[in-house]
Structure formats: structure tokens, C-alpha cells
Amino acid sequence: MASLFQFEILTPEKTFYAGTVTSLVVPGMEGYFGVLAHHAPLIARSSGGKLKIREASSEERLFRIGAGILEVLKNRAIFLTKQAQPIE
């Protein structure tokens, strides 16, 4: 079984997403990058775009996110943004 970590997408209005995931693919300022469990501490800016997560159940989910900041620390990742919506 893959290692898991907590992930949240937070907007000023609410917690848009919160769950246990195995991986993230995040749109950074200079291209996409991945995050797995036990990733080194990181703070990164994002210009927005498509964010992909793989949940603990192995289901993939896609979100369209606005510009924001990703923080990874102690097996937890938080993406702060003003805009987020699921992609069906």
C-alpha cells in the first residue's frame, strides 16, 4: 500500500477539499511538480491550472485552481487559493 498524507484546498470562504491522498500533481510557476508522502518541507507559488490528486482509494480527482500557495510540512499539504472547482 502506498504511503498516505493529508491534503486540503482552502479558499477564503471554506475548506474546498480535505482528504487523505497518496499523491499530488501541482501546477507550479515553472511547470508541474509532484508531491508524495514524507516530502521535504516546501512552500511553492502556483499560477493556477489543473491540480490532480490520487486519493487513498486510488481514485483520481481533478480540480481547476486559481493562483495560490502550496505548503508541505510534516506529511500534510495545504493549497491556499481564491478559486477552486472540480473538473468532471
PDB file of N, CA and C in Angstrom:
ATOM      1  N   MET A   1       0.844  -1.194   0.000  1.00  0.00           N
ATOM      2  CA  MET A   1       0.000   0.000   0.000  1.00  0.00           C
ATOM      3  C   MET A   1       0.882   1.248   0.000  1.00  0.00           C
ATOM      4  N   ALA A   2       0.482   2.235  -0.761  1.00  0.00           N
ATOM      5  CA  ALA A   2       1.227   3.495  -0.854  1.00  0.00           C
ATOM      6  C   ALA A   2       1.126   4.285   0.447  1.00  0.00           C
ATOM      7  N   SER A   3       2.143   5.079   0.717  1.00  0.00           N
ATOM      8  CA  SER A   3       2.121   5.956   1.889  1.00  0.00           C
ATOM      9  C   SER A   3       1.100   7.063   1.680  1.00  0.00           C
ATOM     10  N   LEU A   4       0.474   7.495   2.759  1.00  0.00           N
ATOM     11  CA  LEU A   4      -0.603   8.478   2.696  1.00  0.00           C
ATOM     12  C   LEU A   4      -0.203   9.765   3.404  1.00  0.00           C
ATOM     13  N   PHE A   5      -0.865  10.862   3.005  1.00  0.00           N
ATOM     14  CA  PHE A   5      -0.708  12.129   3.712  1.00  0.00           C
ATOM     15  C   PHE A   5      -1.992  12.928   3.583  1.00  0.00           C
ATOM     16  N   GLN A   6      -2.138  13.926   4.435  1.00  0.00           N
ATOM     17  CA  GLN A   6      -3.334  14.765   4.448  1.00  0.00           C
ATOM     18  C   GLN A   6      -3.173  15.908   3.453  1.00  0.00           C
ATOM     19  N   PHE A   7      -4.261  16.246   2.751  1.00  0.00           N
ATOM     20  CA  PHE A   7      -4.236  17.341   1.795  1.00  0.00           C
ATOM     21  C   PHE A   7      -5.519  18.149   1.917  1.00  0.00           C
ATOM     22  N   GLU A   8      -5.360  19.477   1.831  1.00  0.00           N
ATOM     23  CA  GLU A   8      -6.512  20.381   1.876  1.00  0.00           C
ATOM     24  C   GLU A   8      -6.359  21.465   0.820  1.00  0.00           C
ATOM     25  N   ILE A   9      -7.490  21.854   0.234  1.00  0.00           N
ATOM     26  CA  ILE A   9      -7.562  23.057  -0.597  1.00  0.00           C
ATOM     27  C   ILE A   9      -8.426  24.033   0.187  1.00  0.00           C
ATOM     28  N   LEU A  10      -7.844  25.184   0.534  1.00  0.00           N
ATOM     29  CA  LEU A  10      -8.560  26.186   1.319  1.00  0.00           C
ATOM     30  C   LEU A  10      -8.784  27.439   0.489  1.00  0.00           C
ATOM     31  N   THR A  11     -10.022  27.944   0.514  1.00  0.00           N
ATOM     32  CA  THR A  11     -10.361  29.222  -0.102  1.00  0.00           C
ATOM     33  C   THR A  11     -10.793  30.157   1.027  1.00  0.00           C
ATOM     34  N   PRO A  12     -10.918  31.458   0.758  1.00  0.00           N
ATOM     35  CA  PRO A  12     -11.351  32.374   1.829  1.00  0.00           C
ATOM     36  C   PRO A  12     -12.724  32.014   2.399  1.00  0.00           C
ATOM     37  N   GLU A  13     -13.568  31.372   1.608  1.00  0.00           N
ATOM     38  CA  GLU A  13     -14.923  31.048   2.043  1.00  0.00           C
ATOM     39  C   GLU A  13     -15.031  29.751   2.824  1.00  0.00           C
ATOM     40  N   LYS A  14     -14.189  28.735   2.466  1.00  0.00           N
ATOM     41  CA  LYS A  14     -14.394  27.419   3.075  1.00  0.00           C
ATOM     42  C   LYS A  14     -13.205  26.499   2.820  1.00  0.00           C
ATOM     43  N   THR A  15     -13.272  25.345   3.442  1.00  0.00           N
ATOM     44  CA  THR A  15     -12.368  24.248   3.107  1.00  0.00           C
ATOM     45  C   THR A  15     -12.979  23.571   1.895  1.00  0.00           C
ATOM     46  N   PHE A  16     -12.364  23.773   0.737  1.00  0.00           N
ATOM     47  CA  PHE A  16     -12.924  23.259  -0.510  1.00  0.00           C
ATOM     48  C   PHE A  16     -12.743  21.750  -0.634  1.00  0.00           C
ATOM     49  N   TYR A  17     -11.598  21.249  -0.182  1.00  0.00           N
ATOM     50  CA  TYR A  17     -11.333  19.810  -0.221  1.00  0.00           C
ATOM     51  C   TYR A  17     -10.479  19.457   0.984  1.00  0.00           C
ATOM     52  N   ALA A  18     -10.749  18.309   1.587  1.00  0.00           N
ATOM     53  CA  ALA A  18      -9.907  17.773   2.658  1.00  0.00           C
ATOM     54  C   ALA A  18      -9.974  16.263   2.559  1.00  0.00           C
ATOM     55  N   GLY A  19      -8.814  15.635   2.530  1.00  0.00           N
ATOM     56  CA  GLY A  19      -8.809  14.181   2.437  1.00  0.00           C
ATOM     57  C   GLY A  19      -7.426  13.601   2.591  1.00  0.00           C
ATOM     58  N   THR A  20      -7.375  12.281   2.577  1.00  0.00           N
ATOM     59  CA  THR A  20      -6.137  11.530   2.655  1.00  0.00           C
ATOM     60  C   THR A  20      -5.773  11.093   1.246  1.00  0.00           C
ATOM     61  N   VAL A  21      -4.568  11.409   0.821  1.00  0.00           N
ATOM     62  CA  VAL A  21      -4.157  11.153  -0.562  1.00  0.00           C
ATOM     63  C   VAL A  21      -2.812  10.429  -0.602  1.00  0.00           C
ATOM     64  N   THR A  22      -2.512   9.870  -1.778  1.00  0.00           N
ATOM     65  CA  THR A  22      -1.214   9.222  -1.984  1.00  0.00           C
ATOM     66  C   THR A  22      -0.287  10.103  -2.803  1.00  0.00           C
ATOM     67  N   SER A  23      -0.855  11.017  -3.631  1.00  0.00           N
ATOM     68  CA  SER A  23      -0.003  11.889  -4.442  1.00  0.00           C
ATOM     69  C   SER A  23      -0.761  13.111  -4.929  1.00  0.00           C
ATOM     70  N   LEU A  24       0.028  14.144  -5.269  1.00  0.00           N
ATOM     71  CA  LEU A  24      -0.494  15.376  -5.883  1.00  0.00           C
ATOM     72  C   LEU A  24       0.355  15.684  -7.106  1.00  0.00           C
ATOM     73  N   VAL A  25      -0.266  16.277  -8.108  1.00  0.00           N
ATOM     74  CA  VAL A  25       0.462  16.895  -9.211  1.00  0.00           C
ATOM     75  C   VAL A  25      -0.045  18.328  -9.257  1.00  0.00           C
ATOM     76  N   VAL A  26       0.862  19.278  -8.998  1.00  0.00           N
ATOM     77  CA  VAL A  26       0.507  20.675  -8.768  1.00  0.00           C
ATOM     78  C   VAL A  26       1.087  21.566  -9.869  1.00  0.00           C
ATOM     79  N   PRO A  27       0.297  22.539 -10.360  1.00  0.00           N
ATOM     80  CA  PRO A  27       0.847  23.486 -11.337  1.00  0.00           C
ATOM     81  C   PRO A  27       1.683  24.550 -10.639  1.00  0.00           C
ATOM     82  N   GLY A  28       2.988  24.482 -10.791  1.00  0.00           N
ATOM     83  CA  GLY A  28       3.890  25.466 -10.198  1.00  0.00           C
ATOM     84  C   GLY A  28       4.083  26.653 -11.129  1.00  0.00           C
ATOM     85  N   MET A  29       4.914  27.567 -10.731  1.00  0.00           N
ATOM     86  CA  MET A  29       5.185  28.755 -11.547  1.00  0.00           C
ATOM     87  C   MET A  29       5.973  28.407 -12.811  1.00  0.00           C
ATOM     88  N   GLU A  30       6.781  27.358 -12.750  1.00  0.00           N
ATOM     89  CA  GLU A  30       7.618  26.981 -13.892  1.00  0.00           C
ATOM     90  C   GLU A  30       7.297  25.590 -14.406  1.00  0.00           C
ATOM     91  N   GLY A  31       6.107  25.096 -14.146  1.00  0.00           N
ATOM     92  CA  GLY A  31       5.705  23.769 -14.603  1.00  0.00           C
ATOM     93  C   GLY A  31       5.128  22.952 -13.461  1.00  0.00           C
ATOM     94  N   TYR A  32       4.658  21.785 -13.818  1.00  0.00           N
ATOM     95  CA  TYR A  32       4.028  20.901 -12.838  1.00  0.00           C
ATOM     96  C   TYR A  32       5.087  20.180 -12.011  1.00  0.00           C
ATOM     97  N   PHE A  33       4.732  19.873 -10.750  1.00  0.00           N
ATOM     98  CA  PHE A  33       5.609  19.074  -9.892  1.00  0.00           C
ATOM     99  C   PHE A  33       4.754  18.162  -9.028  1.00  0.00           C
ATOM    100  N   GLY A  34       5.355  17.080  -8.562  1.00  0.00           N
ATOM    101  CA  GLY A  34       4.644  16.094  -7.763  1.00  0.00           C
ATOM    102  C   GLY A  34       4.998  16.173  -6.293  1.00  0.00           C
ATOM    103  N   VAL A  35       4.061  15.705  -5.480  1.00  0.00           N
ATOM    104  CA  VAL A  35       4.256  15.616  -4.033  1.00  0.00           C
ATOM    105  C   VAL A  35       3.781  14.232  -3.598  1.00  0.00           C
ATOM    106  N   LEU A  36       4.633  13.537  -2.857  1.00  0.00           N
ATOM    107  CA  LEU A  36       4.310  12.241  -2.275  1.00  0.00           C
ATOM    108  C   LEU A  36       4.426  12.340  -0.755  1.00  0.00           C
ATOM    109  N   ALA A  37       4.005  11.296  -0.067  1.00  0.00           N
ATOM    110  CA  ALA A  37       4.121  11.257   1.390  1.00  0.00           C
ATOM    111  C   ALA A  37       5.576  11.435   1.806  1.00  0.00           C
ATOM    112  N   HIS A  38       5.792  12.059   2.934  1.00  0.00           N
ATOM    113  CA  HIS A  38       7.109  12.306   3.523  1.00  0.00           C
ATOM    114  C   HIS A  38       7.969  13.230   2.657  1.00  0.00           C
ATOM    115  N   HIS A  39       7.328  14.086   1.877  1.00  0.00           N
ATOM    116  CA  HIS A  39       8.042  15.069   1.047  1.00  0.00           C
ATOM    117  C   HIS A  39       8.785  16.036   1.961  1.00  0.00           C
ATOM    118  N   ALA A  40       9.893  16.540   1.488  1.00  0.00           N
ATOM    119  CA  ALA A  40      10.640  17.557   2.239  1.00  0.00           C
ATOM    120  C   ALA A  40       9.768  18.804   2.425  1.00  0.00           C
ATOM    121  N   PRO A  41       9.975  19.557   3.500  1.00  0.00           N
ATOM    122  CA  PRO A  41       9.210  20.791   3.683  1.00  0.00           C
ATOM    123  C   PRO A  41       9.355  21.699   2.457  1.00  0.00           C
ATOM    124  N   LEU A  42       8.245  22.324   2.071  1.00  0.00           N
ATOM    125  CA  LEU A  42       8.210  23.100   0.831  1.00  0.00           C
ATOM    126  C   LEU A  42       7.150  24.180   0.922  1.00  0.00           C
ATOM    127  N   ILE A  43       7.464  25.356   0.398  1.00  0.00           N
ATOM    128  CA  ILE A  43       6.466  26.390   0.130  1.00  0.00           C
ATOM    129  C   ILE A  43       6.681  26.791  -1.315  1.00  0.00           C
ATOM    130  N   ALA A  44       5.607  26.694  -2.123  1.00  0.00           N
ATOM    131  CA  ALA A  44       5.731  26.971  -3.556  1.00  0.00           C
ATOM    132  C   ALA A  44       4.542  27.800  -4.031  1.00  0.00           C
ATOM    133  N   ARG A  45       4.823  28.718  -4.944  1.00  0.00           N
ATOM    134  CA  ARG A  45       3.757  29.503  -5.573  1.00  0.00           C
ATOM    135  C   ARG A  45       3.216  28.754  -6.777  1.00  0.00           C
ATOM    136  N   SER A  46       1.961  29.005  -7.071  1.00  0.00           N
ATOM    137  CA  SER A  46       1.319  28.413  -8.242  1.00  0.00           C
ATOM    138  C   SER A  46       0.615  29.518  -9.018  1.00  0.00           C
ATOM    139  N   SER A  47       0.706  29.446 -10.340  1.00  0.00           N
ATOM    140  CA  SER A  47      -0.017  30.398 -11.181  1.00  0.00           C
ATOM    141  C   SER A  47      -1.419  29.900 -11.486  1.00  0.00           C
ATOM    142  N   GLY A  48      -1.761  28.737 -10.971  1.00  0.00           N
ATOM    143  CA  GLY A  48      -3.081  28.159 -11.187  1.00  0.00           C
ATOM    144  C   GLY A  48      -3.080  27.198 -12.362  1.00  0.00           C
ATOM    145  N   GLY A  49      -4.157  26.456 -12.474  1.00  0.00           N
ATOM    146  CA  GLY A  49      -4.282  25.473 -13.538  1.00  0.00           C
ATOM    147  C   GLY A  49      -4.960  24.223 -13.016  1.00  0.00           C
ATOM    148  N   LYS A  50      -4.556  23.083 -13.566  1.00  0.00           N
ATOM    149  CA  LYS A  50      -5.159  21.803 -13.208  1.00  0.00           C
ATOM    150  C   LYS A  50      -4.337  21.129 -12.110  1.00  0.00           C
ATOM    151  N   LEU A  51      -4.988  20.792 -11.001  1.00  0.00           N
ATOM    152  CA  LEU A  51      -4.354  20.083  -9.897  1.00  0.00           C
ATOM    153  C   LEU A  51      -4.935  18.675  -9.861  1.00  0.00           C
ATOM    154  N   LYS A  52      -4.073  17.667  -9.806  1.00  0.00           N
ATOM    155  CA  LYS A  52      -4.529  16.269  -9.803  1.00  0.00           C
ATOM    156  C   LYS A  52      -4.144  15.621  -8.490  1.00  0.00           C
ATOM    157  N   ILE A  53      -5.098  14.921  -7.883  1.00  0.00           N
ATOM    158  CA  ILE A  53      -4.808  14.160  -6.672  1.00  0.00           C
ATOM    159  C   ILE A  53      -5.171  12.699  -6.900  1.00  0.00           C
ATOM    160  N   ARG A  54      -4.466  11.824  -6.207  1.00  0.00           N
ATOM    161  CA  ARG A  54      -4.831  10.410  -6.147  1.00  0.00           C
ATOM    162  C   ARG A  54      -5.172  10.143  -4.689  1.00  0.00           C
ATOM    163  N   GLU A  55      -6.428   9.794  -4.459  1.00  0.00           N
ATOM    164  CA  GLU A  55      -6.903   9.567  -3.098  1.00  0.00           C
ATOM    165  C   GLU A  55      -6.448   8.200  -2.582  1.00  0.00           C
ATOM    166  N   ALA A  56      -6.633   7.970  -1.288  1.00  0.00           N
ATOM    167  CA  ALA A  56      -6.252   6.707  -0.659  1.00  0.00           C
ATOM    168  C   ALA A  56      -6.952   5.525  -1.327  1.00  0.00           C
ATOM    169  N   SER A  57      -8.136   5.749  -1.866  1.00  0.00           N
ATOM    170  CA  SER A  57      -8.907   4.699  -2.552  1.00  0.00           C
ATOM    171  C   SER A  57      -8.398   4.444  -3.972  1.00  0.00           C
ATOM    172  N   SER A  58      -7.342   5.140  -4.396  1.00  0.00           N
ATOM    173  CA  SER A  58      -6.741   5.082  -5.746  1.00  0.00           C
ATOM    174  C   SER A  58      -7.551   5.842  -6.796  1.00  0.00           C
ATOM    175  N   GLU A  59      -8.632   6.503  -6.390  1.00  0.00           N
ATOM    176  CA  GLU A  59      -9.410   7.315  -7.318  1.00  0.00           C
ATOM    177  C   GLU A  59      -8.659   8.619  -7.605  1.00  0.00           C
ATOM    178  N   GLU A  60      -8.628   9.014  -8.879  1.00  0.00           N
ATOM    179  CA  GLU A  60      -8.023  10.295  -9.252  1.00  0.00           C
ATOM    180  C   GLU A  60      -9.098  11.364  -9.311  1.00  0.00           C
ATOM    181  N   ARG A  61      -8.764  12.552  -8.806  1.00  0.00           N
ATOM    182  CA  ARG A  61      -9.676  13.697  -8.867  1.00  0.00           C
ATOM    183  C   ARG A  61      -8.911  14.878  -9.429  1.00  0.00           C
ATOM    184  N   LEU A  62      -9.609  15.675 -10.245  1.00  0.00           N
ATOM    185  CA  LEU A  62      -9.012  16.852 -10.864  1.00  0.00           C
ATOM    186  C   LEU A  62      -9.743  18.102 -10.404  1.00  0.00           C
ATOM    187  N   PHE A  63      -8.974  19.175 -10.203  1.00  0.00           N
ATOM    188  CA  PHE A  63      -9.534  20.459  -9.807  1.00  0.00           C
ATOM    189  C   PHE A  63      -8.918  21.547 -10.670  1.00  0.00           C
ATOM    190  N   ARG A  64      -9.699  22.551 -11.011  1.00  0.00           N
ATOM    191  CA  ARG A  64      -9.189  23.765 -11.642  1.00  0.00           C
ATOM    192  C   ARG A  64      -9.009  24.758 -10.499  1.00  0.00           C
ATOM    193  N   ILE A  65      -7.770  25.205 -10.306  1.00  0.00           N
ATOM    194  CA  ILE A  65      -7.475  26.093  -9.184  1.00  0.00           C
ATOM    195  C   ILE A  65      -6.934  27.417  -9.699  1.00  0.00           C
ATOM    196  N   GLY A  66      -7.158  28.460  -8.926  1.00  0.00           N
ATOM    197  CA  GLY A  66      -6.586  29.765  -9.227  1.00  0.00           C
ATOM    198  C   GLY A  66      -5.174  29.849  -8.677  1.00  0.00           C
ATOM    199  N   ALA A  67      -4.557  30.977  -8.891  1.00  0.00           N
ATOM    200  CA  ALA A  67      -3.203  31.201  -8.350  1.00  0.00           C
ATOM    201  C   ALA A  67      -3.231  31.023  -6.840  1.00  0.00           C
ATOM    202  N   GLY A  68      -2.126  30.538  -6.284  1.00  0.00           N
ATOM    203  CA  GLY A  68      -2.093  30.323  -4.846  1.00  0.00           C
ATOM    204  C   GLY A  68      -0.741  29.874  -4.354  1.00  0.00           C
ATOM    205  N   ILE A  69      -0.752  29.326  -3.146  1.00  0.00           N
ATOM    206  CA  ILE A  69       0.467  28.882  -2.470  1.00  0.00           C
ATOM    207  C   ILE A  69       0.239  27.475  -1.925  1.00  0.00           C
ATOM    208  N   LEU A  70       1.233  26.609  -2.121  1.00  0.00           N
ATOM    209  CA  LEU A  70       1.213  25.264  -1.556  1.00  0.00           C
ATOM    210  C   LEU A  70       2.242  25.189  -0.440  1.00  0.00           C
ATOM    211  N   GLU A  71       1.816  24.658   0.703  1.00  0.00           N
ATOM    212  CA  GLU A  71       2.738  24.397   1.807  1.00  0.00           C
ATOM    213  C   GLU A  71       2.734  22.902   2.085  1.00  0.00           C
ATOM    214  N   VAL A  72       3.918  22.309   2.174  1.00  0.00           N
ATOM    215  CA  VAL A  72       4.076  20.896   2.530  1.00  0.00           C
ATOM    216  C   VAL A  72       4.928  20.849   3.788  1.00  0.00           C
ATOM    217  N   LEU A  73       4.405  20.222   4.839  1.00  0.00           N
ATOM    218  CA  LEU A  73       5.128  20.149   6.100  1.00  0.00           C
ATOM    219  C   LEU A  73       4.577  19.000   6.931  1.00  0.00           C
ATOM    220  N   LYS A  74       5.459  18.147   7.425  1.00  0.00           N
ATOM    221  CA  LYS A  74       5.099  17.063   8.346  1.00  0.00           C
ATOM    222  C   LYS A  74       3.969  16.188   7.814  1.00  0.00           C
ATOM    223  N   ASN A  75       4.126  15.723   6.588  1.00  0.00           N
ATOM    224  CA  ASN A  75       3.199  14.796   5.948  1.00  0.00           C
ATOM    225  C   ASN A  75       1.787  15.378   5.793  1.00  0.00           C
ATOM    226  N   ARG A  76       1.749  16.683   5.559  1.00  0.00           N
ATOM    227  CA  ARG A  76       0.490  17.383   5.321  1.00  0.00           C
ATOM    228  C   ARG A  76       0.745  18.456   4.273  1.00  0.00           C
ATOM    229  N   ALA A  77      -0.188  18.613   3.325  1.00  0.00           N
ATOM    230  CA  ALA A  77      -0.070  19.638   2.295  1.00  0.00           C
ATOM    231  C   ALA A  77      -1.335  20.483   2.300  1.00  0.00           C
ATOM    232  N   ILE A  78      -1.148  21.793   2.169  1.00  0.00           N
ATOM    233  CA  ILE A  78      -2.273  22.736   2.145  1.00  0.00           C
ATOM    234  C   ILE A  78      -2.079  23.657   0.952  1.00  0.00           C
ATOM    235  N   PHE A  79      -3.118  23.777   0.120  1.00  0.00           N
ATOM    236  CA  PHE A  79      -3.088  24.702  -1.004  1.00  0.00           C
ATOM    237  C   PHE A  79      -4.051  25.845  -0.698  1.00  0.00           C
ATOM    238  N   LEU A  80      -3.530  27.080  -0.656  1.00  0.00           N
ATOM    239  CA  LEU A  80      -4.341  28.270  -0.393  1.00  0.00           C
ATOM    240  C   LEU A  80      -4.597  28.982  -1.710  1.00  0.00           C
ATOM    241  N   THR A  81      -5.857  29.248  -2.022  1.00  0.00           N
ATOM    242  CA  THR A  81      -6.239  29.887  -3.278  1.00  0.00           C
ATOM    243  C   THR A  81      -7.565  30.613  -3.122  1.00  0.00           C
ATOM    244  N   LYS A  82      -7.854  31.507  -4.042  1.00  0.00           N
ATOM    245  CA  LYS A  82      -9.143  32.199  -4.029  1.00  0.00           C
ATOM    246  C   LYS A  82     -10.185  31.452  -4.841  1.00  0.00           C
ATOM    247  N   GLN A  83      -9.736  30.579  -5.771  1.00  0.00           N
ATOM    248  CA  GLN A  83     -10.661  29.882  -6.666  1.00  0.00           C
ATOM    249  C   GLN A  83     -10.352  28.406  -6.742  1.00  0.00           C
ATOM    250  N   ALA A  84     -11.383  27.590  -6.712  1.00  0.00           N
ATOM    251  CA  ALA A  84     -11.229  26.146  -6.912  1.00  0.00           C
ATOM    252  C   ALA A  84     -12.553  25.588  -7.387  1.00  0.00           C
ATOM    253  N   GLN A  85     -12.479  24.662  -8.327  1.00  0.00           N
ATOM    254  CA  GLN A  85     -13.683  23.964  -8.781  1.00  0.00           C
ATOM    255  C   GLN A  85     -13.293  22.585  -9.279  1.00  0.00           C
ATOM    256  N   PRO A  86     -14.180  21.611  -9.085  1.00  0.00           N
ATOM    257  CA  PRO A  86     -13.864  20.260  -9.572  1.00  0.00           C
ATOM    258  C   PRO A  86     -13.962  20.201 -11.086  1.00  0.00           C
ATOM    259  N   ILE A  87     -13.179  19.329 -11.689  1.00  0.00           N
ATOM    260  CA  ILE A  87     -13.271  19.049 -13.121  1.00  0.00           C
ATOM    261  C   ILE A  87     -13.871  17.659 -13.243  1.00  0.00           C
ATOM    262  N   GLU A  88     -14.955  17.575 -13.940  1.00  0.00           N
ATOM    263  CA  GLU A  88     -15.650  16.275 -14.111  1.00  0.00           C
ATOM    264  C   GLU A  88     -15.052  15.477 -15.219  1.00  0.00           C
TER     265      GLU A  88
END
